[in-house]
PDB file of N, CA and C in Angstrom:
ATOM      1  N   MET A   1      33.887  24.097  85.833  1.00  0.00           N
ATOM      2  CA  MET A   1      34.690  24.697  86.168  1.00  0.00           C
ATOM      3  C   MET A   1      36.018  23.832  86.337  1.00  0.00           C
ATOM      4  N   ASP A   2      36.549  24.587  85.415  1.00  0.00           N
ATOM      5  CA  ASP A   2      38.444  23.506  85.017  1.00  0.00           C
ATOM      6  C   ASP A   2      39.071  23.665  86.109  1.00  0.00           C
ATOM      7  N   PRO A   3      39.097  22.460  86.487  1.00  0.00           N
ATOM      8  CA  PRO A   3      40.688  22.640  87.732  1.00  0.00           C
ATOM      9  C   PRO A   3      42.127  22.928  87.447  1.00  0.00           C
ATOM     10  N   GLU A   4      41.889  23.140  85.895  1.00  0.00           N
ATOM     11  CA  GLU A   4      43.638  23.438  85.464  1.00  0.00           C
ATOM     12  C   GLU A   4      43.299  25.130  85.053  1.00  0.00           C
ATOM     13  N   ARG A   5      42.229  26.154  85.144  1.00  0.00           N
ATOM     14  CA  ARG A   5      42.415  27.049  84.604  1.00  0.00           C
ATOM     15  C   ARG A   5      41.366  28.168  85.545  1.00  0.00           C
ATOM     16  N   ALA A   6      42.228  28.454  86.431  1.00  0.00           N
ATOM     17  CA  ALA A   6      41.363  29.348  87.489  1.00  0.00           C
ATOM     18  C   ALA A   6      41.530  30.445  87.219  1.00  0.00           C
ATOM     19  N   PRO A   7      40.520  31.391  87.847  1.00  0.00           N
ATOM     20  CA  PRO A   7      39.993  32.555  87.296  1.00  0.00           C
ATOM     21  C   PRO A   7      41.120  33.659  88.430  1.00  0.00           C
ATOM     22  N   ARG A   8      41.008  34.930  86.921  1.00  0.00           N
ATOM     23  CA  ARG A   8      41.745  35.360  87.478  1.00  0.00           C
ATOM     24  C   ARG A   8      42.009  35.907  89.310  1.00  0.00           C
ATOM     25  N   GLY A   9      43.192  36.179  89.459  1.00  0.00           N
ATOM     26  CA  GLY A   9      43.348  36.471  90.962  1.00  0.00           C
ATOM     27  C   GLY A   9      43.865  35.311  91.433  1.00  0.00           C
ATOM     28  N   TYR A  10      43.795  34.262  91.535  1.00  0.00           N
ATOM     29  CA  TYR A  10      44.411  33.036  92.067  1.00  0.00           C
ATOM     30  C   TYR A  10      46.099  32.556  91.638  1.00  0.00           C
ATOM     31  N   LYS A  11      46.812  32.909  92.695  1.00  0.00           N
ATOM     32  CA  LYS A  11      48.304  33.281  92.116  1.00  0.00           C
ATOM     33  C   LYS A  11      48.882  31.686  91.684  1.00  0.00           C
ATOM     34  N   ARG A  12      47.958  31.132  92.312  1.00  0.00           N
ATOM     35  CA  ARG A  12      48.661  29.152  91.472  1.00  0.00           C
ATOM     36  C   ARG A  12      47.314  28.539  91.596  1.00  0.00           C
ATOM     37  N   VAL A  13      47.533  27.451  90.442  1.00  0.00           N
ATOM     38  CA  VAL A  13      46.391  26.479  90.178  1.00  0.00           C
ATOM     39  C   VAL A  13      46.020  25.579  91.174  1.00  0.00           C
ATOM     40  N   ALA A  14      47.409  25.650  92.238  1.00  0.00           N
ATOM     41  CA  ALA A  14      46.943  24.793  93.395  1.00  0.00           C
ATOM     42  C   ALA A  14      46.096  25.487  94.385  1.00  0.00           C
ATOM     43  N   ASP A  15      46.031  26.823  94.125  1.00  0.00           N
ATOM     44  CA  ASP A  15      45.223  27.301  95.382  1.00  0.00           C
ATOM     45  C   ASP A  15      43.601  27.223  94.893  1.00  0.00           C
ATOM     46  N   TRP A  16      43.638  27.243  93.463  1.00  0.00           N
ATOM     47  CA  TRP A  16      42.531  27.169  92.448  1.00  0.00           C
ATOM     48  C   TRP A  16      41.717  25.871  93.061  1.00  0.00           C
ATOM     49  N   ARG A  17      42.604  25.175  92.788  1.00  0.00           N
ATOM     50  CA  ARG A  17      42.730  23.572  92.718  1.00  0.00           C
ATOM     51  C   ARG A  17      41.345  23.325  94.087  1.00  0.00           C
ATOM     52  N   ARG A  18      42.390  24.239  95.445  1.00  0.00           N
ATOM     53  CA  ARG A  18      41.340  24.048  96.917  1.00  0.00           C
ATOM     54  C   ARG A  18      40.587  24.228  96.843  1.00  0.00           C
ATOM     55  N   ALA A  19      40.473  25.540  96.676  1.00  0.00           N
ATOM     56  CA  ALA A  19      38.991  26.273  96.414  1.00  0.00           C
ATOM     57  C   ALA A  19      37.735  25.764  96.085  1.00  0.00           C
ATOM     58  N   ARG A  20      38.073  24.729  94.192  1.00  0.00           N
ATOM     59  CA  ARG A  20      37.088  24.209  93.491  1.00  0.00           C
ATOM     60  C   ARG A  20      36.920  23.157  94.693  1.00  0.00           C
ATOM     61  N   THR A  21      37.581  22.208  95.008  1.00  0.00           N
ATOM     62  CA  THR A  21      37.310  20.904  95.956  1.00  0.00           C
ATOM     63  C   THR A  21      36.544  21.421  97.421  1.00  0.00           C
ATOM     64  N   ALA A  22      36.673  22.427  97.772  1.00  0.00           N
ATOM     65  CA  ALA A  22      36.123  22.809  99.019  1.00  0.00           C
ATOM     66  C   ALA A  22      34.189  23.154  98.295  1.00  0.00           C
ATOM     67  N   LEU A  23      34.327  24.180  97.188  1.00  0.00           N
ATOM     68  CA  LEU A  23      33.079  24.855  96.451  1.00  0.00           C
ATOM     69  C   LEU A  23      32.648  23.414  96.014  1.00  0.00           C
ATOM     70  N   LEU A  24      32.894  22.197  95.675  1.00  0.00           N
ATOM     71  CA  LEU A  24      32.144  21.007  95.259  1.00  0.00           C
ATOM     72  C   LEU A  24      31.433  20.213  96.604  1.00  0.00           C
ATOM     73  N   ARG A  25      32.820  20.636  97.533  1.00  0.00           N
ATOM     74  CA  ARG A  25      32.396  19.572  99.176  1.00  0.00           C
ATOM     75  C   ARG A  25      31.119  20.255  99.488  1.00  0.00           C
ATOM     76  N   PHE A  26      30.891  21.456  99.486  1.00  0.00           N
ATOM     77  CA  PHE A  26      30.359  22.466  99.999  1.00  0.00           C
ATOM     78  C   PHE A  26      28.558  21.945  99.577  1.00  0.00           C
ATOM     79  N   CYS A  27      28.453  21.887  97.842  1.00  0.00           N
ATOM     80  CA  CYS A  27      27.254  21.610  97.812  1.00  0.00           C
ATOM     81  C   CYS A  27      27.054  20.133  97.521  1.00  0.00           C
ATOM     82  N   SER A  28      28.032  19.119  98.046  1.00  0.00           N
ATOM     83  CA  SER A  28      27.577  17.811  98.238  1.00  0.00           C
ATOM     84  C   SER A  28      26.863  17.193  99.670  1.00  0.00           C
ATOM     85  N   SER A  29      26.222  16.501  98.621  1.00  0.00           N
ATOM     86  CA  SER A  29      24.897  16.133 100.126  1.00  0.00           C
ATOM     87  C   SER A  29      25.704  14.975 100.671  1.00  0.00           C
ATOM     88  N   ASP A  30      26.545  14.577 100.641  1.00  0.00           N
ATOM     89  CA  ASP A  30      27.375  13.682 101.652  1.00  0.00           C
ATOM     90  C   ASP A  30      28.238  14.550 102.605  1.00  0.00           C
ATOM     91  N   HIS A  31      28.449  16.043 102.578  1.00  0.00           N
ATOM     92  CA  HIS A  31      29.062  16.578 103.091  1.00  0.00           C
ATOM     93  C   HIS A  31      29.091  16.049 104.799  1.00  0.00           C
ATOM     94  N   ALA A  32      30.115  16.260 105.256  1.00  0.00           N
ATOM     95  CA  ALA A  32      30.630  15.517 106.853  1.00  0.00           C
ATOM     96  C   ALA A  32      29.185  16.624 107.659  1.00  0.00           C
ATOM     97  N   PHE A  33      29.047  17.812 107.523  1.00  0.00           N
ATOM     98  CA  PHE A  33      28.263  18.581 107.827  1.00  0.00           C
ATOM     99  C   PHE A  33      26.787  18.927 107.681  1.00  0.00           C
ATOM    100  N   GLY A  34      26.431  17.572 106.783  1.00  0.00           N
ATOM    101  CA  GLY A  34      25.168  17.687 105.962  1.00  0.00           C
ATOM    102  C   GLY A  34      25.019  18.780 104.848  1.00  0.00           C
ATOM    103  N   ASN A  35      24.276  18.977 104.273  1.00  0.00           N
ATOM    104  CA  ASN A  35      23.812  19.673 102.783  1.00  0.00           C
ATOM    105  C   ASN A  35      24.090  21.113 103.434  1.00  0.00           C
ATOM    106  N   LEU A  36      25.183  21.538 103.285  1.00  0.00           N
ATOM    107  CA  LEU A  36      25.012  23.326 103.721  1.00  0.00           C
ATOM    108  C   LEU A  36      24.653  23.821 102.714  1.00  0.00           C
ATOM    109  N   ALA A  37      24.774  23.521 101.315  1.00  0.00           N
ATOM    110  CA  ALA A  37      24.579  24.475 100.346  1.00  0.00           C
ATOM    111  C   ALA A  37      22.801  24.499 100.854  1.00  0.00           C
ATOM    112  N   CYS A  38      22.148  23.399 100.597  1.00  0.00           N
ATOM    113  CA  CYS A  38      20.385  23.648 101.034  1.00  0.00           C
ATOM    114  C   CYS A  38      20.288  24.550 102.216  1.00  0.00           C
ATOM    115  N   ALA A  39      21.145  23.951 103.541  1.00  0.00           N
ATOM    116  CA  ALA A  39      20.778  24.792 104.727  1.00  0.00           C
ATOM    117  C   ALA A  39      20.848  26.430 104.047  1.00  0.00           C
ATOM    118  N   ALA A  40      22.086  27.023 103.183  1.00  0.00           N
ATOM    119  CA  ALA A  40      22.101  28.679 103.161  1.00  0.00           C
ATOM    120  C   ALA A  40      20.883  28.960 102.268  1.00  0.00           C
ATOM    121  N   LEU A  41      20.712  27.968 101.553  1.00  0.00           N
ATOM    122  CA  LEU A  41      19.556  28.417 100.286  1.00  0.00           C
ATOM    123  C   LEU A  41      18.488  28.788 101.317  1.00  0.00           C
ATOM    124  N   ASP A  42      18.427  27.734 101.895  1.00  0.00           N
ATOM    125  CA  ASP A  42      16.979  27.703 103.236  1.00  0.00           C
ATOM    126  C   ASP A  42      16.982  29.248 104.134  1.00  0.00           C
ATOM    127  N   GLN A  43      18.315  29.614 104.101  1.00  0.00           N
ATOM    128  CA  GLN A  43      18.182  30.942 104.984  1.00  0.00           C
ATOM    129  C   GLN A  43      18.799  32.399 104.239  1.00  0.00           C
ATOM    130  N   GLY A  44      18.389  32.524 103.130  1.00  0.00           N
ATOM    131  CA  GLY A  44      18.209  33.185 102.169  1.00  0.00           C
ATOM    132  C   GLY A  44      19.435  33.835 101.622  1.00  0.00           C
ATOM    133  N   TRP A  45      20.463  32.649 101.313  1.00  0.00           N
ATOM    134  CA  TRP A  45      21.360  33.218 100.531  1.00  0.00           C
ATOM    135  C   TRP A  45      21.607  32.342  99.033  1.00  0.00           C
ATOM    136  N   THR A  46      21.572  33.768  98.203  1.00  0.00           N
ATOM    137  CA  THR A  46      21.711  33.399  96.970  1.00  0.00           C
ATOM    138  C   THR A  46      22.791  33.004  96.235  1.00  0.00           C
ATOM    139  N   GLU A  47      22.740  32.689  95.031  1.00  0.00           N
ATOM    140  CA  GLU A  47      23.789  31.745  93.771  1.00  0.00           C
ATOM    141  C   GLU A  47      25.345  32.939  93.979  1.00  0.00           C
ATOM    142  N   LEU A  48      24.893  33.972  94.170  1.00  0.00           N
ATOM    143  CA  LEU A  48      25.914  35.019  94.209  1.00  0.00           C
ATOM    144  C   LEU A  48      26.424  35.581  95.507  1.00  0.00           C
ATOM    145  N   ASP A  49      25.681  35.575  96.286  1.00  0.00           N
ATOM    146  CA  ASP A  49      26.275  35.804  97.879  1.00  0.00           C
ATOM    147  C   ASP A  49      27.162  34.505  98.141  1.00  0.00           C
ATOM    148  N   LEU A  50      27.103  33.415  97.467  1.00  0.00           N
ATOM    149  CA  LEU A  50      27.811  32.331  97.696  1.00  0.00           C
ATOM    150  C   LEU A  50      29.240  32.352  96.739  1.00  0.00           C
ATOM    151  N   PHE A  51      28.781  32.090  95.669  1.00  0.00           N
ATOM    152  CA  PHE A  51      29.787  31.974  94.734  1.00  0.00           C
ATOM    153  C   PHE A  51      30.222  32.970  93.224  1.00  0.00           C
ATOM    154  N   ALA A  52      29.689  34.048  93.680  1.00  0.00           N
ATOM    155  CA  ALA A  52      30.498  35.281  93.242  1.00  0.00           C
ATOM    156  C   ALA A  52      32.177  35.476  92.521  1.00  0.00           C
ATOM    157  N   VAL A  53      32.418  35.944  91.414  1.00  0.00           N
ATOM    158  CA  VAL A  53      33.458  36.360  91.352  1.00  0.00           C
ATOM    159  C   VAL A  53      33.446  37.672  90.566  1.00  0.00           C
ATOM    160  N   GLY A  54      34.212  38.553  90.159  1.00  0.00           N
ATOM    161  CA  GLY A  54      33.853  39.921  89.406  1.00  0.00           C
ATOM    162  C   GLY A  54      34.391  39.306  88.237  1.00  0.00           C
ATOM    163  N   ARG A  55      33.409  39.863  87.155  1.00  0.00           N
ATOM    164  CA  ARG A  55      33.523  40.061  85.532  1.00  0.00           C
ATOM    165  C   ARG A  55      34.911  40.080  85.429  1.00  0.00           C
ATOM    166  N   VAL A  56      35.286  40.770  86.027  1.00  0.00           N
ATOM    167  CA  VAL A  56      36.898  40.806  84.732  1.00  0.00           C
ATOM    168  C   VAL A  56      37.672  40.772  85.807  1.00  0.00           C
ATOM    169  N   ALA A  57      37.920  41.307  87.426  1.00  0.00           N
ATOM    170  CA  ALA A  57      38.791  40.531  88.026  1.00  0.00           C
ATOM    171  C   ALA A  57      39.035  39.625  88.649  1.00  0.00           C
ATOM    172  N   GLY A  58      38.049  38.633  88.190  1.00  0.00           N
ATOM    173  CA  GLY A  58      37.800  37.394  89.279  1.00  0.00           C
ATOM    174  C   GLY A  58      37.844  37.049  90.229  1.00  0.00           C
ATOM    175  N   VAL A  59      38.851  36.795  91.160  1.00  0.00           N
ATOM    176  CA  VAL A  59      39.107  36.843  92.629  1.00  0.00           C
ATOM    177  C   VAL A  59      39.913  37.731  93.009  1.00  0.00           C
ATOM    178  N   ALA A  60      40.533  38.540  92.131  1.00  0.00           N
ATOM    179  CA  ALA A  60      41.453  39.639  92.414  1.00  0.00           C
ATOM    180  C   ALA A  60      40.882  40.704  93.246  1.00  0.00           C
ATOM    181  N   ASN A  61      39.710  41.287  93.058  1.00  0.00           N
ATOM    182  CA  ASN A  61      39.059  42.103  93.842  1.00  0.00           C
ATOM    183  C   ASN A  61      38.345  41.438  94.748  1.00  0.00           C
ATOM    184  N   VAL A  62      38.080  41.023  96.216  1.00  0.00           N
ATOM    185  CA  VAL A  62      37.370  40.237  96.834  1.00  0.00           C
ATOM    186  C   VAL A  62      35.778  40.978  96.751  1.00  0.00           C
ATOM    187  N   SER A  63      35.936  42.127  96.841  1.00  0.00           N
ATOM    188  CA  SER A  63      34.798  42.977  96.610  1.00  0.00           C
ATOM    189  C   SER A  63      34.097  42.857  95.988  1.00  0.00           C
ATOM    190  N   HIS A  64      34.037  41.909  94.804  1.00  0.00           N
ATOM    191  CA  HIS A  64      33.085  41.035  93.900  1.00  0.00           C
ATOM    192  C   HIS A  64      33.146  39.875  93.938  1.00  0.00           C
ATOM    193  N   CYS A  65      33.684  39.245  95.391  1.00  0.00           N
ATOM    194  CA  CYS A  65      33.476  37.559  95.648  1.00  0.00           C
ATOM    195  C   CYS A  65      32.437  37.424  96.366  1.00  0.00           C
ATOM    196  N   GLY A  66      31.838  36.504  96.526  1.00  0.00           N
ATOM    197  CA  GLY A  66      31.025  35.722  96.947  1.00  0.00           C
ATOM    198  C   GLY A  66      31.819  35.012  98.661  1.00  0.00           C
ATOM    199  N   ALA A  67      31.160  34.720  99.611  1.00  0.00           N
ATOM    200  CA  ALA A  67      31.247  34.118 100.555  1.00  0.00           C
ATOM    201  C   ALA A  67      32.466  32.972 100.185  1.00  0.00           C
ATOM    202  N   LEU A  68      32.651  32.055  99.452  1.00  0.00           N
ATOM    203  CA  LEU A  68      33.440  30.760  98.947  1.00  0.00           C
ATOM    204  C   LEU A  68      34.365  31.160  98.291  1.00  0.00           C
ATOM    205  N   LEU A  69      34.683  31.827  97.251  1.00  0.00           N
ATOM    206  CA  LEU A  69      35.510  32.347  96.672  1.00  0.00           C
ATOM    207  C   LEU A  69      36.961  32.600  96.897  1.00  0.00           C
ATOM    208  N   PRO A  70      36.924  33.464  98.280  1.00  0.00           N
ATOM    209  CA  PRO A  70      38.341  33.862  98.696  1.00  0.00           C
ATOM    210  C   PRO A  70      39.052  32.493  99.392  1.00  0.00           C
ATOM    211  N   ASN A  71      38.898  31.846  99.238  1.00  0.00           N
ATOM    212  CA  ASN A  71      38.952  30.216  99.847  1.00  0.00           C
ATOM    213  C   ASN A  71      40.255  29.737  99.539  1.00  0.00           C
ATOM    214  N   SER A  72      41.439  30.459  98.938  1.00  0.00           N
ATOM    215  CA  SER A  72      42.420  29.405  98.705  1.00  0.00           C
ATOM    216  C   SER A  72      43.036  28.397  99.544  1.00  0.00           C
ATOM    217  N   ARG A  73      42.722  28.289 100.658  1.00  0.00           N
ATOM    218  CA  ARG A  73      43.145  27.128 101.749  1.00  0.00           C
ATOM    219  C   ARG A  73      42.069  26.099 101.851  1.00  0.00           C
ATOM    220  N   GLY A  74      41.144  26.327 100.846  1.00  0.00           N
ATOM    221  CA  GLY A  74      40.084  25.013 100.724  1.00  0.00           C
ATOM    222  C   GLY A  74      39.690  24.805 102.527  1.00  0.00           C
ATOM    223  N   ALA A  75      39.821  25.597 103.112  1.00  0.00           N
ATOM    224  CA  ALA A  75      39.043  25.178 104.258  1.00  0.00           C
ATOM    225  C   ALA A  75      37.138  24.713 103.908  1.00  0.00           C
ATOM    226  N   GLN A  76      36.727  23.948 104.642  1.00  0.00           N
ATOM    227  CA  GLN A  76      35.460  23.878 104.590  1.00  0.00           C
ATOM    228  C   GLN A  76      34.363  24.139 105.793  1.00  0.00           C
ATOM    229  N   VAL A  77      33.216  24.786 105.284  1.00  0.00           N
ATOM    230  CA  VAL A  77      32.277  25.442 105.857  1.00  0.00           C
ATOM    231  C   VAL A  77      31.689  24.202 106.758  1.00  0.00           C
ATOM    232  N   THR A  78      31.318  24.886 108.050  1.00  0.00           N
ATOM    233  CA  THR A  78      31.286  23.935 109.136  1.00  0.00           C
ATOM    234  C   THR A  78      29.609  24.283 109.717  1.00  0.00           C
ATOM    235  N   HIS A  79      29.630  25.600 109.339  1.00  0.00           N
ATOM    236  CA  HIS A  79      27.993  26.020 109.964  1.00  0.00           C
ATOM    237  C   HIS A  79      27.558  27.514 109.027  1.00  0.00           C
ATOM    238  N   VAL A  80      26.158  27.276 109.162  1.00  0.00           N
ATOM    239  CA  VAL A  80      25.772  28.073 108.174  1.00  0.00           C
ATOM    240  C   VAL A  80      24.770  29.208 109.068  1.00  0.00           C
ATOM    241  N   ARG A  81      24.942  30.482 108.882  1.00  0.00           N
ATOM    242  CA  ARG A  81      23.978  31.438 109.686  1.00  0.00           C
ATOM    243  C   ARG A  81      23.178  32.146 108.699  1.00  0.00           C
ATOM    244  N   PRO A  82      22.119  32.731 108.580  1.00  0.00           N
ATOM    245  CA  PRO A  82      21.610  33.352 107.457  1.00  0.00           C
ATOM    246  C   PRO A  82      22.711  35.272 106.942  1.00  0.00           C
ATOM    247  N   ASP A  83      23.880  35.556 107.962  1.00  0.00           N
ATOM    248  CA  ASP A  83      24.107  36.493 107.688  1.00  0.00           C
ATOM    249  C   ASP A  83      25.641  35.947 107.803  1.00  0.00           C
ATOM    250  N   ALA A  84      26.274  34.967 107.558  1.00  0.00           N
ATOM    251  CA  ALA A  84      27.459  34.376 107.723  1.00  0.00           C
ATOM    252  C   ALA A  84      27.620  32.821 107.195  1.00  0.00           C
ATOM    253  N   LEU A  85      29.137  32.794 106.803  1.00  0.00           N
ATOM    254  CA  LEU A  85      29.392  30.984 107.066  1.00  0.00           C
ATOM    255  C   LEU A  85      30.576  30.818 107.767  1.00  0.00           C
ATOM    256  N   ARG A  86      30.835  30.292 108.709  1.00  0.00           N
ATOM    257  CA  ARG A  86      31.767  29.521 109.495  1.00  0.00           C
ATOM    258  C   ARG A  86      32.688  28.619 108.987  1.00  0.00           C
ATOM    259  N   PHE A  87      33.940  28.803 108.846  1.00  0.00           N
ATOM    260  CA  PHE A  87      34.986  27.640 108.227  1.00  0.00           C
ATOM    261  C   PHE A  87      35.285  26.663 109.354  1.00  0.00           C
ATOM    262  N   ASN A  88      36.387  25.924 108.957  1.00  0.00           N
ATOM    263  CA  ASN A  88      37.159  24.919 110.058  1.00  0.00           C
ATOM    264  C   ASN A  88      38.476  25.710 110.703  1.00  0.00           C
ATOM    265  N   ASN A  89      38.604  26.721 109.844  1.00  0.00           N
ATOM    266  CA  ASN A  89      40.034  27.409 110.024  1.00  0.00           C
ATOM    267  C   ASN A  89      39.459  28.667 111.218  1.00  0.00           C
ATOM    268  N   ASN A  90      38.473  28.320 111.457  1.00  0.00           N
ATOM    269  CA  ASN A  90      38.057  29.945 112.596  1.00  0.00           C
ATOM    270  C   ASN A  90      37.385  30.803 111.536  1.00  0.00           C
ATOM    271  N   ARG A  91      37.316  31.151 110.645  1.00  0.00           N
ATOM    272  CA  ARG A  91      37.117  32.379 109.850  1.00  0.00           C
ATOM    273  C   ARG A  91      35.771  32.372 109.387  1.00  0.00           C
ATOM    274  N   THR A  92      35.287  33.498 109.182  1.00  0.00           N
ATOM    275  CA  THR A  92      33.671  33.631 108.938  1.00  0.00           C
ATOM    276  C   THR A  92      33.986  34.435 107.747  1.00  0.00           C
ATOM    277  N   ALA A  93      32.879  34.362 106.942  1.00  0.00           N
ATOM    278  CA  ALA A  93      33.058  35.130 105.885  1.00  0.00           C
ATOM    279  C   ALA A  93      31.387  35.548 106.085  1.00  0.00           C
ATOM    280  N   TYR A  94      31.090  36.739 105.929  1.00  0.00           N
ATOM    281  CA  TYR A  94      29.372  37.563 105.943  1.00  0.00           C
ATOM    282  C   TYR A  94      29.116  37.832 105.001  1.00  0.00           C
ATOM    283  N   LYS A  95      27.627  37.723 104.823  1.00  0.00           N
ATOM    284  CA  LYS A  95      26.925  38.182 103.712  1.00  0.00           C
ATOM    285  C   LYS A  95      26.961  39.572 103.318  1.00  0.00           C
ATOM    286  N   ARG A  96      27.064  39.972 102.149  1.00  0.00           N
ATOM    287  CA  ARG A  96      27.339  41.492 101.712  1.00  0.00           C
ATOM    288  C   ARG A  96      26.660  41.461 100.543  1.00  0.00           C
ATOM    289  N   PRO A  97      26.160  42.703 100.415  1.00  0.00           N
ATOM    290  CA  PRO A  97      25.176  42.997  99.172  1.00  0.00           C
ATOM    291  C   PRO A  97      26.758  43.142  98.066  1.00  0.00           C
ATOM    292  N   LEU A  98      26.068  42.343  96.808  1.00  0.00           N
ATOM    293  CA  LEU A  98      27.228  42.477  95.960  1.00  0.00           C
ATOM    294  C   LEU A  98      25.672  43.415  94.896  1.00  0.00           C
ATOM    295  N   ASP A  99      26.971  43.576  93.465  1.00  0.00           N
ATOM    296  CA  ASP A  99      26.321  44.497  92.158  1.00  0.00           C
ATOM    297  C   ASP A  99      26.576  43.075  91.171  1.00  0.00           C
ATOM    298  N   PRO A 100      25.039  43.054  90.649  1.00  0.00           N
ATOM    299  CA  PRO A 100      25.471  41.866  89.771  1.00  0.00           C
ATOM    300  C   PRO A 100      25.688  42.204  88.467  1.00  0.00           C
ATOM    301  N   ALA A 101      26.131  43.831  88.169  1.00  0.00           N
ATOM    302  CA  ALA A 101      26.577  44.337  87.137  1.00  0.00           C
ATOM    303  C   ALA A 101      28.036  44.088  87.328  1.00  0.00           C
ATOM    304  N   GLN A 102      28.786  44.112  88.755  1.00  0.00           N
ATOM    305  CA  GLN A 102      30.131  43.667  88.497  1.00  0.00           C
ATOM    306  C   GLN A 102      30.636  42.037  88.630  1.00  0.00           C
ATOM    307  N   CYS A 103      29.533  41.376  89.015  1.00  0.00           N
ATOM    308  CA  CYS A 103      29.811  39.220  89.625  1.00  0.00           C
ATOM    309  C   CYS A 103      29.125  38.780  88.757  1.00  0.00           C
ATOM    310  N   VAL A 104      29.948  37.722  88.707  1.00  0.00           N
ATOM    311  CA  VAL A 104      28.996  36.332  87.629  1.00  0.00           C
ATOM    312  C   VAL A 104      29.166  35.200  88.822  1.00  0.00           C
ATOM    313  N   ALA A 105      28.601  34.148  88.542  1.00  0.00           N
ATOM    314  CA  ALA A 105      29.021  32.844  89.219  1.00  0.00           C
ATOM    315  C   ALA A 105      29.804  32.486  88.659  1.00  0.00           C
ATOM    316  N   VAL A 106      31.083  32.035  89.700  1.00  0.00           N
ATOM    317  CA  VAL A 106      32.599  31.055  89.124  1.00  0.00           C
ATOM    318  C   VAL A 106      32.184  30.229  87.767  1.00  0.00           C
ATOM    319  N   TRP A 107      30.771  29.892  87.846  1.00  0.00           N
ATOM    320  CA  TRP A 107      30.933  28.664  86.683  1.00  0.00           C
ATOM    321  C   TRP A 107      30.237  29.622  85.635  1.00  0.00           C
ATOM    322  N   GLU A 108      30.457  30.869  85.414  1.00  0.00           N
ATOM    323  CA  GLU A 108      30.119  31.212  84.174  1.00  0.00           C
ATOM    324  C   GLU A 108      30.767  32.670  84.018  1.00  0.00           C
ATOM    325  N   TYR A 109      32.369  32.290  85.220  1.00  0.00           N
ATOM    326  CA  TYR A 109      33.487  32.832  84.406  1.00  0.00           C
ATOM    327  C   TYR A 109      34.229  32.873  83.509  1.00  0.00           C
ATOM    328  N   ARG A 110      34.285  34.142  82.468  1.00  0.00           N
ATOM    329  CA  ARG A 110      35.218  33.897  81.384  1.00  0.00           C
ATOM    330  C   ARG A 110      36.045  34.952  81.560  1.00  0.00           C
ATOM    331  N   GLU A 111      37.350  34.672  81.242  1.00  0.00           N
ATOM    332  CA  GLU A 111      38.407  35.609  80.647  1.00  0.00           C
ATOM    333  C   GLU A 111      38.446  36.510  79.987  1.00  0.00           C
ATOM    334  N   GLU A 112      38.399  37.766  79.786  1.00  0.00           N
ATOM    335  CA  GLU A 112      38.406  38.316  78.649  1.00  0.00           C
ATOM    336  C   GLU A 112      39.635  38.343  77.554  1.00  0.00           C
ATOM    337  N   ARG A 113      39.330  38.187  76.251  1.00  0.00           N
ATOM    338  CA  ARG A 113      40.251  37.782  75.606  1.00  0.00           C
ATOM    339  C   ARG A 113      40.754  38.689  74.646  1.00  0.00           C
ATOM    340  N   ALA A 114      42.280  38.705  74.569  1.00  0.00           N
ATOM    341  CA  ALA A 114      42.441  40.262  74.075  1.00  0.00           C
ATOM    342  C   ALA A 114      42.223  40.324  72.377  1.00  0.00           C
ATOM    343  N   LYS A 115      41.640  41.081  72.020  1.00  0.00           N
ATOM    344  CA  LYS A 115      41.308  41.163  70.871  1.00  0.00           C
ATOM    345  C   LYS A 115      42.322  41.480  69.266  1.00  0.00           C
ATOM    346  N   LYS A 116      42.473  40.587  68.569  1.00  0.00           N
ATOM    347  CA  LYS A 116      43.403  41.234  67.561  1.00  0.00           C
ATOM    348  C   LYS A 116      43.628  41.921  66.367  1.00  0.00           C
TER     349      LYS A 116
END
């Protein structure tokens, strides 16, 4: 996940950097609230539930995004439930069904290249 190449839909690279930092912090075992990624997996969250972006639109279409990706302010997850993530800005992201044909994990996202 290149900090200088934001998936389509982020208005500024700075927004992507904040979101990316929050993603990495969520996965870190030395997170202030413990290893929340492991807690999420233990409670039934999948890779796409957490980290999905739209195959074509990136984060521009949030209906194809996992719970962590629309987080352009870089808020930290403070609590994991089987159906929702709670952030330190009082936002809650709920788990919802995603179509694997429409989304990929953010680290697999590649913008479509214009054909010459």
